[in-house]
């Protein structure tokens, strides 16, 4: 899971040139205009240019970071087992008690152990029940009553003994092991969370419930998108949306933001445009910039300042306009911002498939292509993630050693269980994504090419330029020739 949990786009500076291609720098562009190329210099980059060490650049840019401690001691300690020992007050032995033999309960290392003391006093069998933890606060009189109730009536025995014999029988109750939800799986379905109990970040006990909730959340009316949701707009068309999303992809990469920030930005734009049918053309880029501003504050540890978003639009919009649009958007969306994203599901699905790095990177590229294309915007995030992973496994199949030798794996029972989709259900979505892959050259002619440029770098294994994306396998997917 750690290998494919998240391939971070922001580990290293992007290098988007292949065969002499020029670097793509931060685009400063007015409303739906042509791309311009200017370098966005941040404070930390200026410090690096002056010779400051890379590790100290961030702290010098923000002096308040110098006082941040590398770790926090929570002073957590395990409970001392000796503290759980039961302390029993001792009663003073009198002359009347001298003929009786008292057996003191001894503390046990196991807090759940129940001890039964069997005493043979002049041939009569007497049982005493030792104290439990919850009985430690009871009085001596109450304890004596409990012991008398626990003594069974027995007939006197004819045999006598000169000395009393004591036996201590210890019966330990082992706590039953509670099985996690993911352990109760069907036959031939692998438990992909079996080895994650040691890592609290993976929450193996709750991960299935979390993803069930995400599946339910993405289908709610406030989050789901309708097909052709731009119908009813007088000025906004799907071509304008495509140009805007391509520019948002470029800005996101130049700001070195997280991939989840980009997908959340696209989600906010589409949901707002679905609700508000009166957005004019001149405010479309303002909607996109404001959506990225909201998503940055939601996802990023250090979000860009609002002045950076003003600069990136070539001062087309001012600071107060972005703030006013932010208030309008969150009111329109009723503050429901945290929609499930395709990348959330893709990480889980890639783990279930035991996908390689090539499979995961290709699926991410297909998801970004689908985010730009208007015809796939109405699909659920989990459907897009499952269809993208299927295409990546179809083009780069995994192999396993079976009884008849090696065989290619496309969509296993484990994948069907964790994705909740079978091949028959995914067939139309896979066919639509294959159409998007085939239409990439036409998109580049229309200057919608940033996802292709981004994934053509060696950082992403040059996956967008791979020959298989133009081979016969794509034609098979277009003809709906899917394999299980």
Protein backbone atom coordinates (compact mmCIF):
# COMPACT_ATOMS: atom_id res chain seq x y z
CA UNK A 1 0.00 0.00 0.00
CA UNK A 2 2.85 2.39 0.81
CA UNK A 3 4.12 1.99 -2.77
CA UNK A 4 0.95 3.13 -4.45
CA UNK A 5 -0.81 4.91 -1.60
CA UNK A 6 0.10 8.26 -3.10
CA UNK A 7 2.56 9.08 -5.85
CA UNK A 8 3.18 12.70 -5.05
CA UNK A 9 3.36 15.05 -8.00
CA UNK A 10 5.14 17.67 -5.92
CA UNK A 11 8.20 15.73 -4.73
CA UNK A 12 10.45 17.18 -7.40
CA UNK A 13 10.19 20.15 -9.70
CA UNK A 14 8.40 19.28 -12.92
CA UNK A 15 10.40 18.73 -16.06
CA UNK A 16 7.94 18.91 -18.91
CA UNK A 17 10.04 18.68 -22.02
CA UNK A 18 10.56 15.81 -24.36
CA UNK A 19 12.85 16.08 -27.37
CA UNK A 20 13.54 19.76 -27.06
CA UNK A 21 10.06 20.77 -25.86
CA UNK A 22 10.13 24.05 -23.96
CA UNK A 23 9.37 24.14 -20.25
CA UNK A 24 5.82 25.16 -19.34
CA UNK A 25 5.89 27.85 -16.68
CA UNK A 26 3.16 29.52 -14.68
CA UNK A 27 0.47 30.79 -16.97
CA UNK A 28 -0.72 34.33 -16.43
CA UNK A 29 -3.81 34.51 -18.58
CA UNK A 30 -6.97 36.65 -18.85
CA UNK A 31 -10.44 35.20 -19.22
CA UNK A 32 -10.37 32.20 -21.60
CA UNK A 33 -7.50 33.78 -23.52
CA UNK A 34 -4.26 32.41 -24.93
CA UNK A 35 -1.62 30.90 -22.66
CA UNK A 36 1.19 33.22 -21.70
CA UNK A 37 4.48 32.14 -20.17
CA UNK A 38 5.88 33.92 -17.12
CA UNK A 39 7.73 32.48 -14.16
CA UNK A 40 5.95 32.73 -10.83
CA UNK A 41 8.63 33.50 -8.28
CA UNK A 42 7.74 32.75 -4.71
CA UNK A 43 9.63 33.95 -1.67
CA UNK A 44 11.22 30.57 -1.11
CA UNK A 45 12.47 30.41 -4.70
CA UNK A 46 14.11 33.83 -4.34
CA UNK A 47 15.93 32.61 -1.25
CA UNK A 48 17.15 29.55 -3.13
CA UNK A 49 18.48 31.78 -5.90
CA UNK A 50 20.54 33.77 -3.36
CA UNK A 51 22.37 30.66 -2.24
CA UNK A 52 20.34 29.74 0.81
CA UNK A 53 20.22 26.02 1.55
CA UNK A 54 17.12 24.18 0.39
CA UNK A 55 16.16 23.01 3.87
CA UNK A 56 16.32 26.55 5.29
CA UNK A 57 14.45 28.28 2.48
CA UNK A 58 11.01 27.61 3.90
CA UNK A 59 11.95 28.69 7.41
CA UNK A 60 13.56 31.90 6.15
CA UNK A 61 10.46 32.66 4.10
CA UNK A 62 8.32 32.25 7.18
CA UNK A 63 10.24 32.94 10.45
CA UNK A 64 7.41 31.50 12.57
CA UNK A 65 8.34 28.01 11.37
CA UNK A 66 11.61 28.12 13.32
CA UNK A 67 9.83 27.33 16.59
CA UNK A 68 8.02 24.25 15.30
CA UNK A 69 9.13 21.13 17.14
CA UNK A 70 9.83 18.02 15.06
CA UNK A 71 7.73 15.80 17.28
CA UNK A 72 5.28 16.04 20.15
CA UNK A 73 5.64 13.86 23.24
CA UNK A 74 2.17 12.78 24.25
CA UNK A 75 3.60 11.18 27.44
CA UNK A 76 1.56 8.10 26.80
CA UNK A 77 2.44 5.09 28.92
CA UNK A 78 1.02 1.65 29.21
CA UNK A 79 -1.10 0.99 32.24
CA UNK A 80 0.84 -0.74 34.98
CA UNK A 81 -0.46 -4.25 35.45
CA UNK A 82 0.47 -4.13 39.10
CA UNK A 83 -1.97 -1.26 39.62
CA UNK A 84 -4.81 -3.59 38.72
CA UNK A 85 -4.09 -5.87 41.68
CA UNK A 86 -6.99 -6.18 44.12
CA UNK A 87 -6.25 -5.13 47.69
CA UNK A 88 -8.39 -7.05 50.19
CA UNK A 89 -8.68 -5.66 53.71
CA UNK A 90 -7.75 -8.26 56.31
CA UNK A 91 -9.97 -8.97 59.28
CA UNK A 92 -8.50 -9.38 62.75
CA UNK A 93 -8.57 -13.04 63.72
CA UNK A 94 -10.37 -13.63 67.05
CA UNK A 95 -10.69 -16.69 69.29
CA UNK A 96 -13.98 -17.69 67.62
CA UNK A 97 -12.28 -17.66 64.24
CA UNK A 98 -9.31 -19.75 65.37
CA UNK A 99 -11.11 -22.98 64.47
CA UNK A 100 -11.72 -21.77 60.91
CA UNK A 101 -9.29 -21.68 58.09
CA UNK A 102 -9.39 -18.48 56.07
CA UNK A 103 -8.13 -18.42 52.56
CA UNK A 104 -7.06 -14.98 51.33
CA UNK A 105 -7.57 -14.32 47.62
CA UNK A 106 -4.32 -13.62 45.87
CA UNK A 107 -4.03 -11.01 43.10
CA UNK A 108 -3.64 -12.50 39.65
CA UNK A 109 -1.59 -11.18 36.76
CA UNK A 110 -4.55 -11.75 34.50
CA UNK A 111 -7.27 -9.26 35.41
CA UNK A 112 -9.96 -11.45 33.83
CA UNK A 113 -9.05 -14.65 35.76
CA UNK A 114 -11.70 -16.08 38.07
CA UNK A 115 -10.33 -18.19 40.96
CA UNK A 116 -12.36 -20.71 42.88
CA UNK A 117 -10.86 -21.80 46.21
CA UNK A 118 -11.85 -25.30 47.30
CA UNK A 119 -11.27 -25.94 51.02
CA UNK A 120 -11.61 -29.29 52.79
CA UNK A 121 -12.40 -28.49 56.42
CA UNK A 122 -12.95 -31.68 58.46
CA UNK A 123 -14.21 -33.52 55.38
CA UNK A 124 -16.69 -30.81 54.34
CA UNK A 125 -16.11 -29.18 50.99
CA UNK A 126 -16.30 -25.39 51.14
CA UNK A 127 -15.90 -23.13 48.10
CA UNK A 128 -14.88 -19.50 48.16
CA UNK A 129 -14.98 -17.24 45.10
CA UNK A 130 -12.08 -14.83 44.78
CA UNK A 131 -12.58 -11.12 44.30
CA UNK A 132 -13.07 -9.62 40.89
CA UNK A 133 -11.95 -6.13 39.99
CA UNK A 134 -15.47 -4.70 40.24
CA UNK A 135 -15.86 -6.21 43.75
CA UNK A 136 -12.81 -4.49 45.21
CA UNK A 137 -14.88 -1.62 46.63
CA UNK A 138 -17.42 -3.81 48.42
CA UNK A 139 -17.59 -4.08 52.19
CA UNK A 140 -16.55 -7.18 54.15
CA UNK A 141 -20.17 -7.96 55.05
CA UNK A 142 -21.23 -7.92 51.41
CA UNK A 143 -18.30 -10.13 50.47
CA UNK A 144 -19.20 -12.60 53.20
CA UNK A 145 -22.77 -12.83 51.86
CA UNK A 146 -21.48 -13.53 48.36
CA UNK A 147 -19.24 -16.31 49.67
CA UNK A 148 -22.12 -17.91 51.59
CA UNK A 149 -24.32 -17.89 48.49
CA UNK A 150 -21.55 -19.57 46.51
CA UNK A 151 -21.18 -22.44 49.08
CA UNK A 152 -23.16 -25.54 47.99
CA UNK A 153 -24.80 -27.73 50.61
CA UNK A 154 -22.99 -31.05 51.04
CA UNK A 155 -23.56 -34.05 53.31
CA UNK A 156 -21.09 -34.56 56.21
CA UNK A 157 -18.41 -37.08 55.47
CA UNK A 158 -17.43 -39.87 57.86
CA UNK A 159 -13.74 -39.50 57.19
CA UNK A 160 -11.70 -36.97 59.14
CA UNK A 161 -8.22 -35.67 58.64
CA UNK A 162 -5.73 -34.34 61.13
CA UNK A 163 -4.75 -31.42 58.90
CA UNK A 164 -6.74 -29.27 56.44
CA UNK A 165 -5.92 -29.58 52.78
CA UNK A 166 -6.24 -26.64 50.45
CA UNK A 167 -6.57 -26.73 46.69
CA UNK A 168 -6.68 -23.71 44.41
CA UNK A 169 -8.29 -24.26 41.05
CA UNK A 170 -7.68 -21.41 38.61
CA UNK A 171 -10.02 -20.99 35.64
CA UNK A 172 -8.95 -18.35 33.15
CA UNK A 173 -11.38 -16.79 30.73
CA UNK A 174 -9.71 -15.74 27.52
CA UNK A 175 -11.32 -12.74 25.83
CA UNK A 176 -12.89 -13.57 22.51
CA UNK A 177 -11.12 -12.07 19.52
CA UNK A 178 -13.38 -9.68 17.68
CA UNK A 179 -13.06 -10.13 13.95
CA UNK A 180 -12.86 -7.03 11.77
CA UNK A 181 -15.39 -6.44 9.03
CA UNK A 182 -12.82 -7.14 6.34
CA UNK A 183 -12.09 -10.58 7.83
CA UNK A 184 -15.60 -11.83 7.12
CA UNK A 185 -15.08 -12.08 3.39
CA UNK A 186 -16.42 -14.48 0.83
CA UNK A 187 -14.49 -17.37 -0.58
CA UNK A 188 -11.69 -16.55 -3.08
CA UNK A 189 -11.66 -12.90 -1.94
CA UNK A 190 -8.42 -11.68 -0.43
CA UNK A 191 -8.38 -9.60 2.73
CA UNK A 192 -6.24 -6.68 1.56
CA UNK A 193 -6.16 -5.15 5.08
CA UNK A 194 -4.80 -8.23 6.86
CA UNK A 195 -1.30 -6.76 7.28
CA UNK A 196 -2.29 -3.17 8.07
CA UNK A 197 -3.15 -3.51 11.74
CA UNK A 198 0.22 -2.12 12.83
CA UNK A 199 -0.28 1.18 10.96
CA UNK A 200 -2.83 3.49 12.63
CA UNK A 201 -2.89 5.72 9.53
CA UNK A 202 -4.52 2.95 7.48
CA UNK A 203 -7.34 2.37 10.03
CA UNK A 204 -7.80 -1.26 9.03
CA UNK A 205 -10.71 -1.69 11.47
CA UNK A 206 -12.81 1.04 9.84
CA UNK A 207 -11.58 1.29 6.24
CA UNK A 208 -14.43 -0.76 4.75
CA UNK A 209 -17.03 1.30 6.59
CA UNK A 210 -15.32 4.50 5.43
CA UNK A 211 -15.46 3.51 1.78
CA UNK A 212 -19.04 2.32 2.10
CA UNK A 213 -19.87 5.80 3.38
CA UNK A 214 -17.99 7.41 0.48
CA UNK A 215 -19.94 5.26 -1.99
CA UNK A 216 -23.18 6.42 -0.38
CA UNK A 217 -22.05 10.06 -0.25
CA UNK A 218 -21.16 10.34 -3.95
CA UNK A 219 -24.72 9.37 -4.91
CA UNK A 220 -26.46 12.05 -2.85
CA UNK A 221 -28.35 14.76 -4.78
CA UNK A 222 -26.07 17.55 -3.54
CA UNK A 223 -22.93 15.79 -4.82
CA UNK A 224 -23.96 13.85 -7.93
CA UNK A 225 -23.80 15.53 -11.34
CA UNK A 226 -26.45 15.17 -14.00
CA UNK A 227 -25.60 14.35 -17.58
CA UNK A 228 -25.39 17.50 -19.72
CA UNK A 229 -25.60 19.65 -16.60
CA UNK A 230 -24.64 22.78 -18.58
CA UNK A 231 -27.93 22.69 -20.45
CA UNK A 232 -29.85 25.84 -19.56
CA UNK A 233 -26.82 28.16 -19.49
CA UNK A 234 -27.14 31.05 -21.92
CA UNK A 235 -23.44 31.93 -22.19
CA UNK A 236 -21.43 28.98 -20.83
CA UNK A 237 -20.74 26.07 -23.17
CA UNK A 238 -18.93 22.77 -22.65
CA UNK A 239 -16.03 24.03 -24.81
CA UNK A 240 -15.49 26.92 -22.39
CA UNK A 241 -15.53 24.49 -19.50
CA UNK A 242 -12.90 22.31 -21.22
CA UNK A 243 -10.56 25.30 -21.74
CA UNK A 244 -11.06 26.41 -18.13
CA UNK A 245 -10.32 22.96 -16.63
CA UNK A 246 -7.19 22.59 -18.78
CA UNK A 247 -5.94 25.95 -17.49
CA UNK A 248 -6.79 24.95 -13.90
CA UNK A 249 -4.68 21.80 -14.40
CA UNK A 250 -1.74 23.92 -15.50
CA UNK A 251 -2.03 26.38 -12.62
CA UNK A 252 -2.36 23.53 -10.10
CA UNK A 253 0.87 21.96 -11.33
CA UNK A 254 2.82 25.22 -11.43
CA UNK A 255 1.73 26.05 -7.87
CA UNK A 256 2.91 22.52 -6.90
CA UNK A 257 -0.43 21.69 -5.33
CA UNK A 258 -1.66 18.24 -4.45
CA UNK A 259 -3.57 16.17 -7.00
CA UNK A 260 -6.56 16.04 -4.64
CA UNK A 261 -6.69 19.85 -4.74
CA UNK A 262 -7.08 19.76 -8.51
CA UNK A 263 -9.88 17.18 -8.49
CA UNK A 264 -11.70 19.01 -5.69
CA UNK A 265 -11.44 22.23 -7.74
CA UNK A 266 -13.07 20.52 -10.73
CA UNK A 267 -15.79 19.13 -8.47
CA UNK A 268 -16.58 22.57 -7.02
CA UNK A 269 -16.72 24.18 -10.47
CA UNK A 270 -19.09 21.56 -11.90
CA UNK A 271 -21.40 21.48 -8.90
CA UNK A 272 -21.64 25.28 -8.84
CA UNK A 273 -22.34 25.50 -12.58
CA UNK A 274 -24.99 22.80 -12.25
CA UNK A 275 -26.81 24.86 -9.60
CA UNK A 276 -26.30 28.39 -10.94
CA UNK A 277 -27.62 28.73 -14.49
CA UNK A 278 -26.99 32.48 -14.75
CA UNK A 279 -23.17 32.61 -14.64
CA UNK A 280 -21.94 35.03 -17.35
CA UNK A 281 -18.97 34.26 -19.55
CA UNK A 282 -16.84 37.02 -18.06
CA UNK A 283 -17.09 35.44 -14.60
CA UNK A 284 -16.28 31.85 -15.60
CA UNK A 285 -12.57 32.17 -14.85
CA UNK A 286 -13.43 33.86 -11.56
CA UNK A 287 -15.44 30.75 -10.63
CA UNK A 288 -12.44 28.55 -11.49
CA UNK A 289 -9.91 30.61 -9.53
CA UNK A 290 -12.21 30.84 -6.51
CA UNK A 291 -12.83 27.09 -6.58
CA UNK A 292 -9.07 26.47 -6.52
CA UNK A 293 -8.70 29.00 -3.70
CA UNK A 294 -11.31 27.08 -1.63
CA UNK A 295 -9.85 23.67 -2.49
CA UNK A 296 -6.34 24.84 -1.54
CA UNK A 297 -7.49 25.87 1.90
CA UNK A 298 -9.30 22.54 2.24
CA UNK A 299 -6.50 20.21 1.08
CA UNK A 300 -3.14 22.00 1.31
CA UNK A 301 -0.89 22.41 4.33
CA UNK A 302 0.46 25.74 2.98
CA UNK A 303 -2.13 27.10 0.51
CA UNK A 304 -1.15 29.91 -1.87
CA UNK A 305 -2.06 33.44 -0.89
CA UNK A 306 -5.02 35.11 -2.51
CA UNK A 307 -2.71 37.61 -4.19
CA UNK A 308 -1.14 34.72 -6.12
CA UNK A 309 -4.53 33.92 -7.62
CA UNK A 310 -4.99 37.58 -8.54
CA UNK A 311 -1.60 37.52 -10.30
CA UNK A 312 -2.28 34.30 -12.20
CA UNK A 313 -5.36 35.86 -13.84
CA UNK A 314 -3.28 38.82 -15.09
CA UNK A 315 -5.13 41.14 -12.67
CA UNK A 316 -8.41 40.47 -14.44
CA UNK A 317 -10.04 40.06 -11.04
CA UNK A 318 -9.24 41.78 -7.77
CA UNK A 319 -8.95 40.38 -4.28
CA UNK A 320 -12.39 41.53 -3.14
CA UNK A 321 -14.01 39.85 -6.17
CA UNK A 322 -12.48 36.47 -5.26
CA UNK A 323 -13.64 36.84 -1.65
CA UNK A 324 -17.17 37.74 -2.72
CA UNK A 325 -17.30 34.78 -5.12
CA UNK A 326 -16.01 32.50 -2.35
CA UNK A 327 -18.93 33.47 -0.10
CA UNK A 328 -21.39 32.97 -2.94
CA UNK A 329 -20.02 29.53 -3.83
CA UNK A 330 -20.03 28.11 -0.32
CA UNK A 331 -23.57 29.39 0.21
CA UNK A 332 -24.73 27.88 -3.07
CA UNK A 333 -23.13 24.52 -2.20
CA UNK A 334 -24.53 24.73 1.36
CA UNK A 335 -20.98 24.32 2.72
CA UNK A 336 -20.85 20.72 1.42
CA UNK A 337 -17.29 20.80 0.12
CA UNK A 338 -15.80 17.40 0.93
CA UNK A 339 -17.06 15.33 -1.98
CA UNK A 340 -15.39 11.93 -2.59
CA UNK A 341 -12.76 12.22 -5.32
CA UNK A 342 -11.60 9.72 -7.96
CA UNK A 343 -8.14 9.58 -6.41
CA UNK A 344 -9.64 8.49 -3.07
CA UNK A 345 -11.11 5.42 -4.73
CA UNK A 346 -8.16 4.78 -7.04
CA UNK A 347 -5.75 4.30 -4.15
CA UNK A 348 -8.04 1.70 -2.61
CA UNK A 349 -8.69 -0.07 -5.92
CA UNK A 350 -4.99 -0.15 -6.84
CA UNK A 351 -4.25 -1.78 -3.51
CA UNK A 352 -6.92 -4.42 -4.13
CA UNK A 353 -5.48 -5.12 -7.60
CA UNK A 354 -1.85 -5.14 -6.39
CA UNK A 355 -1.24 -2.78 -9.28
CA UNK A 356 2.23 -1.83 -10.43
CA UNK A 357 3.48 1.73 -10.65
CA UNK A 358 2.74 1.81 -14.39
CA UNK A 359 -0.86 0.76 -13.76
CA UNK A 360 -1.36 3.40 -11.09
CA UNK A 361 0.23 6.25 -13.08
CA UNK A 362 -1.73 5.38 -16.22
CA UNK A 363 -4.98 5.29 -14.24
CA UNK A 364 -4.20 8.74 -12.82
CA UNK A 365 -3.56 10.06 -16.33
CA UNK A 366 -6.89 8.68 -17.55
CA UNK A 367 -8.69 10.23 -14.58
CA UNK A 368 -7.27 13.66 -15.43
CA UNK A 369 -8.26 13.24 -19.07
CA UNK A 370 -11.78 12.38 -17.92
CA UNK A 371 -11.90 15.49 -15.71
CA UNK A 372 -11.22 17.72 -18.71
CA UNK A 373 -13.71 15.97 -21.00
CA UNK A 374 -17.31 17.09 -20.56
CA UNK A 375 -18.85 13.80 -21.69
CA UNK A 376 -17.46 11.93 -18.66
CA UNK A 377 -18.15 14.60 -16.01
CA UNK A 378 -21.46 13.07 -14.87
CA UNK A 379 -19.98 9.70 -13.90
CA UNK A 380 -19.40 8.96 -10.22
CA UNK A 381 -15.81 9.27 -8.95
CA UNK A 382 -15.71 5.57 -8.05
CA UNK A 383 -16.90 4.62 -11.55
CA UNK A 384 -14.23 6.75 -13.21
CA UNK A 385 -11.53 5.30 -10.94
CA UNK A 386 -12.64 1.70 -11.57
CA UNK A 387 -12.86 2.20 -15.36
CA UNK A 388 -9.43 3.89 -15.48
CA UNK A 389 -7.88 1.06 -13.48
CA UNK A 390 -9.51 -1.52 -15.76
CA UNK A 391 -7.98 0.12 -18.86
CA UNK A 392 -4.55 0.26 -17.22
CA UNK A 393 -4.78 -3.44 -16.30
CA UNK A 394 -6.01 -4.22 -19.81
CA UNK A 395 -3.05 -2.48 -21.44
CA UNK A 396 -0.47 -3.60 -18.86
CA UNK A 397 -1.86 -6.85 -17.42
CA UNK A 398 -0.49 -8.41 -14.28
CA UNK A 399 0.51 -12.06 -14.32
CA UNK A 400 0.11 -14.80 -11.74
CA UNK A 401 1.35 -18.34 -11.55
CA UNK A 402 -1.58 -20.74 -11.66
CA UNK A 403 -1.96 -24.45 -12.15
CA UNK A 404 -1.76 -24.11 -15.93
CA UNK A 405 1.17 -21.70 -15.95
CA UNK A 406 1.06 -17.93 -16.08
CA UNK A 407 -2.19 -16.16 -16.87
CA UNK A 408 -3.16 -12.52 -17.30
CA UNK A 409 -5.33 -10.89 -14.64
CA UNK A 410 -7.81 -8.20 -15.62
CA UNK A 411 -10.69 -8.02 -13.11
CA UNK A 412 -10.54 -10.48 -10.22
CA UNK A 413 -13.18 -11.40 -7.66
CA UNK A 414 -11.26 -9.34 -5.11
CA UNK A 415 -11.46 -6.25 -7.33
CA UNK A 416 -15.13 -6.83 -7.96
CA UNK A 417 -15.73 -7.08 -4.21
CA UNK A 418 -13.88 -3.90 -3.22
CA UNK A 419 -14.97 -1.75 -6.18
CA UNK A 420 -18.61 -2.99 -6.15
CA UNK A 421 -18.50 -3.06 -9.98
CA UNK A 422 -18.26 -5.96 -12.41
CA UNK A 423 -16.97 -5.84 -15.98
CA UNK A 424 -20.45 -5.72 -17.49
CA UNK A 425 -21.32 -2.60 -15.48
CA UNK A 426 -18.05 -0.86 -16.38
CA UNK A 427 -18.27 -1.63 -20.12
CA UNK A 428 -19.95 1.66 -21.27
CA UNK A 429 -17.70 3.78 -19.02
CA UNK A 430 -14.57 2.03 -20.32
CA UNK A 431 -15.73 2.57 -23.89
CA UNK A 432 -16.27 6.29 -23.21
CA UNK A 433 -12.79 6.61 -21.69
CA UNK A 434 -11.28 4.83 -24.68
CA UNK A 435 -12.93 7.47 -26.90
CA UNK A 436 -11.30 10.19 -24.79
CA UNK A 437 -7.88 8.53 -25.21
CA UNK A 438 -8.31 8.34 -28.96
CA UNK A 439 -9.40 12.01 -29.10
CA UNK A 440 -6.22 13.33 -27.41
CA UNK A 441 -4.58 14.46 -30.72
CA UNK A 442 -7.72 16.45 -31.60
CA UNK A 443 -7.72 18.01 -28.12
CA UNK A 444 -4.11 19.10 -28.60
CA UNK A 445 -5.01 20.76 -31.88
CA UNK A 446 -7.54 22.81 -29.91
CA UNK A 447 -4.81 23.81 -27.41
CA UNK A 448 -6.21 21.51 -24.70
CA UNK A 449 -3.05 19.57 -24.03
CA UNK A 450 -1.77 20.12 -20.51
CA UNK A 451 -2.61 16.64 -19.11
CA UNK A 452 -0.72 15.13 -22.05
CA UNK A 453 2.26 17.47 -21.49
CA UNK A 454 2.27 16.78 -17.76
CA UNK A 455 2.35 13.00 -18.13
CA UNK A 456 4.84 13.06 -21.00
CA UNK A 457 7.69 13.79 -18.58
CA UNK A 458 9.99 11.12 -17.19
CA UNK A 459 8.64 11.88 -13.73
CA UNK A 460 5.41 10.16 -14.80
CA UNK A 461 7.22 7.47 -16.83
CA UNK A 462 6.27 9.23 -20.11
CA UNK A 463 2.98 7.38 -19.90
CA UNK A 464 1.04 9.71 -22.20
CA UNK A 465 3.45 8.98 -25.08
CA UNK A 466 3.36 5.18 -24.68
CA UNK A 467 2.65 3.35 -27.97
CA UNK A 468 -0.04 1.18 -26.37
CA UNK A 469 -2.30 4.21 -26.07
CA UNK A 470 -2.43 4.25 -29.88
CA UNK A 471 -2.37 0.51 -30.47
CA UNK A 472 -4.88 -2.20 -31.21
CA UNK A 473 -5.86 -2.58 -27.54
CA UNK A 474 -7.64 0.78 -27.59
CA UNK A 475 -9.56 -0.32 -30.70
CA UNK A 476 -10.65 -3.46 -28.85
CA UNK A 477 -11.96 -1.34 -25.99
CA UNK A 478 -13.79 0.91 -28.45
CA UNK A 479 -15.48 -2.18 -29.89
CA UNK A 480 -16.52 -3.20 -26.37
CA UNK A 481 -14.32 -6.33 -26.40
CA UNK A 482 -13.72 -6.50 -22.66
CA UNK A 483 -12.19 -9.44 -20.83
CA UNK A 484 -12.70 -10.46 -17.22
